Amino acid sequence: SIPAFGYLTPASLEVLNTLRKLWESEKRGPIVTMDAGPNIHLLYPSDMNDLAEFLKKELSSQFKLFCS
């Protein structure tokens, strides 16, 4: 479109960068998917609950998290 636009927000990019750092340090992490907006969805097996808890602590003060 003109003008061009993108769905990623500065907050989305910050979360993606946090996830990238997690993969680099742990050599594992959640699979990241995104919908047609700025929302990030994480998929991970149950044996990665420790990482899920880490992400909740790391991100919940700045972002809305919906976990199931």
PDB file of N, CA and C in Angstrom:
ATOM      1  N   SER A   1       0.842  -1.178   0.000  1.00  0.00           N
ATOM      2  CA  SER A   1       0.000   0.000   0.000  1.00  0.00           C
ATOM      3  C   SER A   1       0.884   1.237   0.000  1.00  0.00           C
ATOM      4  N   ILE A   2       0.289   2.317  -0.297  1.00  0.00           N
ATOM      5  CA  ILE A   2       0.994   3.596  -0.273  1.00  0.00           C
ATOM      6  C   ILE A   2       0.226   4.500   0.686  1.00  0.00           C
ATOM      7  N   PRO A   3       0.800   4.933   1.755  1.00  0.00           N
ATOM      8  CA  PRO A   3       2.167   4.652   2.189  1.00  0.00           C
ATOM      9  C   PRO A   3       2.276   3.242   2.774  1.00  0.00           C
ATOM     10  N   ALA A   4       3.475   2.735   2.774  1.00  0.00           N
ATOM     11  CA  ALA A   4       3.729   1.404   3.329  1.00  0.00           C
ATOM     12  C   ALA A   4       3.519   1.429   4.844  1.00  0.00           C
ATOM     13  N   PHE A   5       3.150   0.296   5.390  1.00  0.00           N
ATOM     14  CA  PHE A   5       2.979   0.200   6.836  1.00  0.00           C
ATOM     15  C   PHE A   5       3.401  -1.188   7.292  1.00  0.00           C
ATOM     16  N   GLY A   6       3.574  -1.326   8.562  1.00  0.00           N
ATOM     17  CA  GLY A   6       3.933  -2.619   9.134  1.00  0.00           C
ATOM     18  C   GLY A   6       3.152  -2.839  10.413  1.00  0.00           C
ATOM     19  N   TYR A   7       2.964  -4.084  10.760  1.00  0.00           N
ATOM     20  CA  TYR A   7       2.218  -4.417  11.969  1.00  0.00           C
ATOM     21  C   TYR A   7       3.094  -4.480  13.212  1.00  0.00           C
ATOM     22  N   LEU A   8       4.371  -4.644  13.042  1.00  0.00           N
ATOM     23  CA  LEU A   8       5.249  -4.740  14.209  1.00  0.00           C
ATOM     24  C   LEU A   8       5.336  -3.399  14.921  1.00  0.00           C
ATOM     25  N   THR A   9       5.230  -3.457  16.212  1.00  0.00           N
ATOM     26  CA  THR A   9       5.357  -2.261  17.038  1.00  0.00           C
ATOM     27  C   THR A   9       6.718  -2.306  17.739  1.00  0.00           C
ATOM     28  N   PRO A  10       7.144  -1.210  18.324  1.00  0.00           N
ATOM     29  CA  PRO A  10       8.387  -1.259  19.097  1.00  0.00           C
ATOM     30  C   PRO A  10       8.323  -2.317  20.199  1.00  0.00           C
ATOM     31  N   ALA A  11       7.162  -2.487  20.820  1.00  0.00           N
ATOM     32  CA  ALA A  11       7.019  -3.512  21.866  1.00  0.00           C
ATOM     33  C   ALA A  11       7.170  -4.915  21.280  1.00  0.00           C
ATOM     34  N   SER A  12       6.592  -5.152  20.103  1.00  0.00           N
ATOM     35  CA  SER A  12       6.734  -6.461  19.457  1.00  0.00           C
ATOM     36  C   SER A  12       8.196  -6.760  19.170  1.00  0.00           C
ATOM     37  N   LEU A  13       8.904  -5.789  18.679  1.00  0.00           N
ATOM     38  CA  LEU A  13      10.328  -5.977  18.376  1.00  0.00           C
ATOM     39  C   LEU A  13      11.131  -6.238  19.646  1.00  0.00           C
ATOM     40  N   GLU A  14      10.759  -5.582  20.743  1.00  0.00           N
ATOM     41  CA  GLU A  14      11.460  -5.803  22.007  1.00  0.00           C
ATOM     42  C   GLU A  14      11.265  -7.246  22.484  1.00  0.00           C
ATOM     43  N   VAL A  15      10.040  -7.757  22.384  1.00  0.00           N
ATOM     44  CA  VAL A  15       9.775  -9.142  22.776  1.00  0.00           C
ATOM     45  C   VAL A  15      10.549 -10.097  21.877  1.00  0.00           C
ATOM     46  N   LEU A  16      10.535  -9.856  20.568  1.00  0.00           N
ATOM     47  CA  LEU A  16      11.266 -10.724  19.644  1.00  0.00           C
ATOM     48  C   LEU A  16      12.762 -10.719  19.950  1.00  0.00           C
ATOM     49  N   ASN A  17      13.304  -9.572  20.294  1.00  0.00           N
ATOM     50  CA  ASN A  17      14.725  -9.499  20.657  1.00  0.00           C
ATOM     51  C   ASN A  17      15.007 -10.264  21.939  1.00  0.00           C
ATOM     52  N   THR A  18      14.101 -10.189  22.916  1.00  0.00           N
ATOM     53  CA  THR A  18      14.255 -10.962  24.151  1.00  0.00           C
ATOM     54  C   THR A  18      14.256 -12.450  23.840  1.00  0.00           C
ATOM     55  N   LEU A  19      13.358 -12.880  22.962  1.00  0.00           N
ATOM     56  CA  LEU A  19      13.291 -14.290  22.587  1.00  0.00           C
ATOM     57  C   LEU A  19      14.536 -14.733  21.825  1.00  0.00           C
ATOM     58  N   ARG A  20      15.060 -13.872  20.986  1.00  0.00           N
ATOM     59  CA  ARG A  20      16.285 -14.194  20.253  1.00  0.00           C
ATOM     60  C   ARG A  20      17.441 -14.404  21.227  1.00  0.00           C
ATOM     61  N   LYS A  21      17.561 -13.509  22.214  1.00  0.00           N
ATOM     62  CA  LYS A  21      18.616 -13.644  23.216  1.00  0.00           C
ATOM     63  C   LYS A  21      18.463 -14.933  24.013  1.00  0.00           C
ATOM     64  N   LEU A  22      17.216 -15.307  24.295  1.00  0.00           N
ATOM     65  CA  LEU A  22      16.972 -16.556  25.006  1.00  0.00           C
ATOM     66  C   LEU A  22      17.465 -17.740  24.195  1.00  0.00           C
ATOM     67  N   TRP A  23      17.146 -17.775  22.904  1.00  0.00           N
ATOM     68  CA  TRP A  23      17.626 -18.856  22.032  1.00  0.00           C
ATOM     69  C   TRP A  23      19.151 -18.885  22.000  1.00  0.00           C
ATOM     70  N   GLU A  24      19.767 -17.718  21.919  1.00  0.00           N
ATOM     71  CA  GLU A  24      21.230 -17.664  21.851  1.00  0.00           C
ATOM     72  C   GLU A  24      21.881 -18.176  23.137  1.00  0.00           C
ATOM     73  N   SER A  25      21.304 -17.853  24.285  1.00  0.00           N
ATOM     74  CA  SER A  25      21.918 -18.259  25.548  1.00  0.00           C
ATOM     75  C   SER A  25      21.567 -19.689  25.947  1.00  0.00           C
ATOM     76  N   GLU A  26      20.340 -20.121  25.691  1.00  0.00           N
ATOM     77  CA  GLU A  26      19.887 -21.439  26.133  1.00  0.00           C
ATOM     78  C   GLU A  26      19.975 -22.510  25.049  1.00  0.00           C
ATOM     79  N   LYS A  27      20.154 -22.093  23.818  1.00  0.00           N
ATOM     80  CA  LYS A  27      20.159 -23.013  22.666  1.00  0.00           C
ATOM     81  C   LYS A  27      18.822 -23.753  22.527  1.00  0.00           C
ATOM     82  N   ARG A  28      17.792 -23.162  23.067  1.00  0.00           N
ATOM     83  CA  ARG A  28      16.430 -23.673  22.939  1.00  0.00           C
ATOM     84  C   ARG A  28      15.472 -22.543  23.302  1.00  0.00           C
ATOM     85  N   GLY A  29      14.242 -22.716  22.932  1.00  0.00           N
ATOM     86  CA  GLY A  29      13.249 -21.706  23.251  1.00  0.00           C
ATOM     87  C   GLY A  29      11.939 -22.034  22.566  1.00  0.00           C
ATOM     88  N   PRO A  30      10.975 -21.167  22.739  1.00  0.00           N
ATOM     89  CA  PRO A  30       9.681 -21.418  22.120  1.00  0.00           C
ATOM     90  C   PRO A  30       9.720 -21.125  20.624  1.00  0.00           C
ATOM     91  N   ILE A  31       8.778 -21.727  19.928  1.00  0.00           N
ATOM     92  CA  ILE A  31       8.572 -21.383  18.522  1.00  0.00           C
ATOM     93  C   ILE A  31       7.713 -20.126  18.505  1.00  0.00           C
ATOM     94  N   VAL A  32       8.075 -19.183  17.680  1.00  0.00           N
ATOM     95  CA  VAL A  32       7.383 -17.902  17.625  1.00  0.00           C
ATOM     96  C   VAL A  32       6.517 -17.846  16.377  1.00  0.00           C
ATOM     97  N   THR A  33       5.252 -17.470  16.569  1.00  0.00           N
ATOM     98  CA  THR A  33       4.367 -17.208  15.440  1.00  0.00           C
ATOM     99  C   THR A  33       3.712 -15.864  15.684  1.00  0.00           C
ATOM    100  N   MET A  34       3.223 -15.257  14.639  1.00  0.00           N
ATOM    101  CA  MET A  34       2.540 -13.970  14.772  1.00  0.00           C
ATOM    102  C   MET A  34       1.266 -13.999  13.942  1.00  0.00           C
ATOM    103  N   ASP A  35       0.272 -13.264  14.423  1.00  0.00           N
ATOM    104  CA  ASP A  35      -0.955 -13.139  13.644  1.00  0.00           C
ATOM    105  C   ASP A  35      -0.826 -11.930  12.727  1.00  0.00           C
ATOM    106  N   ALA A  36      -1.913 -11.449  12.212  1.00  0.00           N
ATOM    107  CA  ALA A  36      -1.864 -10.337  11.260  1.00  0.00           C
ATOM    108  C   ALA A  36      -1.712  -8.987  11.955  1.00  0.00           C
ATOM    109  N   GLY A  37      -1.317  -9.002  13.189  1.00  0.00           N
ATOM    110  CA  GLY A  37      -1.096  -7.783  13.943  1.00  0.00           C
ATOM    111  C   GLY A  37       0.206  -7.870  14.702  1.00  0.00           C
ATOM    112  N   PRO A  38       0.326  -7.102  15.775  1.00  0.00           N
ATOM    113  CA  PRO A  38       1.572  -7.089  16.540  1.00  0.00           C
ATOM    114  C   PRO A  38       1.660  -8.197  17.579  1.00  0.00           C
ATOM    115  N   ASN A  39       0.661  -9.076  17.630  1.00  0.00           N
ATOM    116  CA  ASN A  39       0.610 -10.105  18.668  1.00  0.00           C
ATOM    117  C   ASN A  39       1.570 -11.249  18.375  1.00  0.00           C
ATOM    118  N   ILE A  40       2.285 -11.653  19.403  1.00  0.00           N
ATOM    119  CA  ILE A  40       3.256 -12.740  19.296  1.00  0.00           C
ATOM    120  C   ILE A  40       2.697 -13.943  20.041  1.00  0.00           C
ATOM    121  N   HIS A  41       2.759 -15.098  19.404  1.00  0.00           N
ATOM    122  CA  HIS A  41       2.293 -16.344  20.001  1.00  0.00           C
ATOM    123  C   HIS A  41       3.483 -17.274  20.158  1.00  0.00           C
ATOM    124  N   LEU A  42       3.579 -17.907  21.313  1.00  0.00           N
ATOM    125  CA  LEU A  42       4.691 -18.802  21.592  1.00  0.00           C
ATOM    126  C   LEU A  42       4.172 -20.218  21.759  1.00  0.00           C
ATOM    127  N   LEU A  43       4.825 -21.143  21.109  1.00  0.00           N
ATOM    128  CA  LEU A  43       4.492 -22.552  21.216  1.00  0.00           C
ATOM    129  C   LEU A  43       5.697 -23.269  21.795  1.00  0.00           C
ATOM    130  N   TYR A  44       5.452 -24.072  22.824  1.00  0.00           N
ATOM    131  CA  TYR A  44       6.563 -24.805  23.419  1.00  0.00           C
ATOM    132  C   TYR A  44       6.031 -26.085  24.053  1.00  0.00           C
ATOM    133  N   PRO A  45       6.841 -27.134  24.093  1.00  0.00           N
ATOM    134  CA  PRO A  45       6.412 -28.383  24.724  1.00  0.00           C
ATOM    135  C   PRO A  45       6.396 -28.236  26.249  1.00  0.00           C
ATOM    136  N   SER A  46       5.671 -29.114  26.900  1.00  0.00           N
ATOM    137  CA  SER A  46       5.515 -29.015  28.352  1.00  0.00           C
ATOM    138  C   SER A  46       6.841 -29.135  29.105  1.00  0.00           C
ATOM    139  N   ASP A  47       7.843 -29.768  28.501  1.00  0.00           N
ATOM    140  CA  ASP A  47       9.129 -29.873  29.196  1.00  0.00           C
ATOM    141  C   ASP A  47       9.913 -28.557  29.170  1.00  0.00           C
ATOM    142  N   MET A  48       9.328 -27.531  28.609  1.00  0.00           N
ATOM    143  CA  MET A  48       9.964 -26.217  28.601  1.00  0.00           C
ATOM    144  C   MET A  48       9.241 -25.255  29.537  1.00  0.00           C
ATOM    145  N   ASN A  49       8.511 -25.771  30.513  1.00  0.00           N
ATOM    146  CA  ASN A  49       7.794 -24.902  31.443  1.00  0.00           C
ATOM    147  C   ASN A  49       8.723 -23.967  32.198  1.00  0.00           C
ATOM    148  N   ASP A  50       9.971 -24.381  32.425  1.00  0.00           N
ATOM    149  CA  ASP A  50      10.924 -23.492  33.088  1.00  0.00           C
ATOM    150  C   ASP A  50      11.165 -22.241  32.256  1.00  0.00           C
ATOM    151  N   LEU A  51      11.247 -22.400  30.941  1.00  0.00           N
ATOM    152  CA  LEU A  51      11.424 -21.234  30.075  1.00  0.00           C
ATOM    153  C   LEU A  51      10.168 -20.374  30.055  1.00  0.00           C
ATOM    154  N   ALA A  52       9.005 -21.010  30.090  1.00  0.00           N
ATOM    155  CA  ALA A  52       7.750 -20.253  30.114  1.00  0.00           C
ATOM    156  C   ALA A  52       7.688 -19.389  31.378  1.00  0.00           C
ATOM    157  N   GLU A  53       8.089 -19.946  32.511  1.00  0.00           N
ATOM    158  CA  GLU A  53       8.100 -19.179  33.759  1.00  0.00           C
ATOM    159  C   GLU A  53       9.098 -18.021  33.679  1.00  0.00           C
ATOM    160  N   PHE A  54      10.261 -18.274  33.083  1.00  0.00           N
ATOM    161  CA  PHE A  54      11.255 -17.213  32.897  1.00  0.00           C
ATOM    162  C   PHE A  54      10.663 -16.075  32.064  1.00  0.00           C
ATOM    163  N   LEU A  55      10.002 -16.420  30.968  1.00  0.00           N
ATOM    164  CA  LEU A  55       9.428 -15.390  30.097  1.00  0.00           C
ATOM    165  C   LEU A  55       8.321 -14.614  30.801  1.00  0.00           C
ATOM    166  N   LYS A  56       7.518 -15.289  31.590  1.00  0.00           N
ATOM    167  CA  LYS A  56       6.470 -14.592  32.341  1.00  0.00           C
ATOM    168  C   LYS A  56       7.099 -13.544  33.263  1.00  0.00           C
ATOM    169  N   LYS A  57       8.143 -13.944  33.978  1.00  0.00           N
ATOM    170  CA  LYS A  57       8.819 -13.004  34.881  1.00  0.00           C
ATOM    171  C   LYS A  57       9.467 -11.866  34.101  1.00  0.00           C
ATOM    172  N   GLU A  58      10.098 -12.219  32.999  1.00  0.00           N
ATOM    173  CA  GLU A  58      10.861 -11.241  32.206  1.00  0.00           C
ATOM    174  C   GLU A  58       9.959 -10.227  31.514  1.00  0.00           C
ATOM    175  N   LEU A  59       8.799 -10.649  31.063  1.00  0.00           N
ATOM    176  CA  LEU A  59       7.980  -9.805  30.200  1.00  0.00           C
ATOM    177  C   LEU A  59       6.697  -9.271  30.832  1.00  0.00           C
ATOM    178  N   SER A  60       6.217  -9.879  31.908  1.00  0.00           N
ATOM    179  CA  SER A  60       4.892  -9.523  32.415  1.00  0.00           C
ATOM    180  C   SER A  60       4.800  -8.114  32.985  1.00  0.00           C
ATOM    181  N   SER A  61       5.897  -7.529  33.388  1.00  0.00           N
ATOM    182  CA  SER A  61       5.822  -6.170  33.930  1.00  0.00           C
ATOM    183  C   SER A  61       5.600  -5.126  32.839  1.00  0.00           C
ATOM    184  N   GLN A  62       5.931  -5.460  31.598  1.00  0.00           N
ATOM    185  CA  GLN A  62       5.819  -4.495  30.509  1.00  0.00           C
ATOM    186  C   GLN A  62       4.705  -4.825  29.506  1.00  0.00           C
ATOM    187  N   PHE A  63       4.296  -6.096  29.447  1.00  0.00           N
ATOM    188  CA  PHE A  63       3.389  -6.524  28.395  1.00  0.00           C
ATOM    189  C   PHE A  63       2.229  -7.329  28.944  1.00  0.00           C
ATOM    190  N   LYS A  64       1.138  -7.353  28.206  1.00  0.00           N
ATOM    191  CA  LYS A  64       0.013  -8.208  28.560  1.00  0.00           C
ATOM    192  C   LYS A  64       0.318  -9.617  28.089  1.00  0.00           C
ATOM    193  N   LEU A  65       0.238 -10.571  29.008  1.00  0.00           N
ATOM    194  CA  LEU A  65       0.500 -11.961  28.676  1.00  0.00           C
ATOM    195  C   LEU A  65      -0.774 -12.769  28.878  1.00  0.00           C
ATOM    196  N   PHE A  66      -1.072 -13.627  27.927  1.00  0.00           N
ATOM    197  CA  PHE A  66      -2.192 -14.545  28.034  1.00  0.00           C
ATOM    198  C   PHE A  66      -1.620 -15.938  27.905  1.00  0.00           C
ATOM    199  N   CYS A  67      -1.702 -16.705  28.953  1.00  0.00           N
ATOM    200  CA  CYS A  67      -1.090 -18.027  28.974  1.00  0.00           C
ATOM    201  C   CYS A  67      -2.161 -19.093  29.160  1.00  0.00           C
ATOM    202  N   SER A  68      -1.968 -20.178  28.466  1.00  0.00           N
ATOM    203  CA  SER A  68      -2.885 -21.311  28.682  1.00  0.00           C
ATOM    204  C   SER A  68      -2.093 -22.599  28.734  1.00  0.00           C
TER     205      SER A  68
END
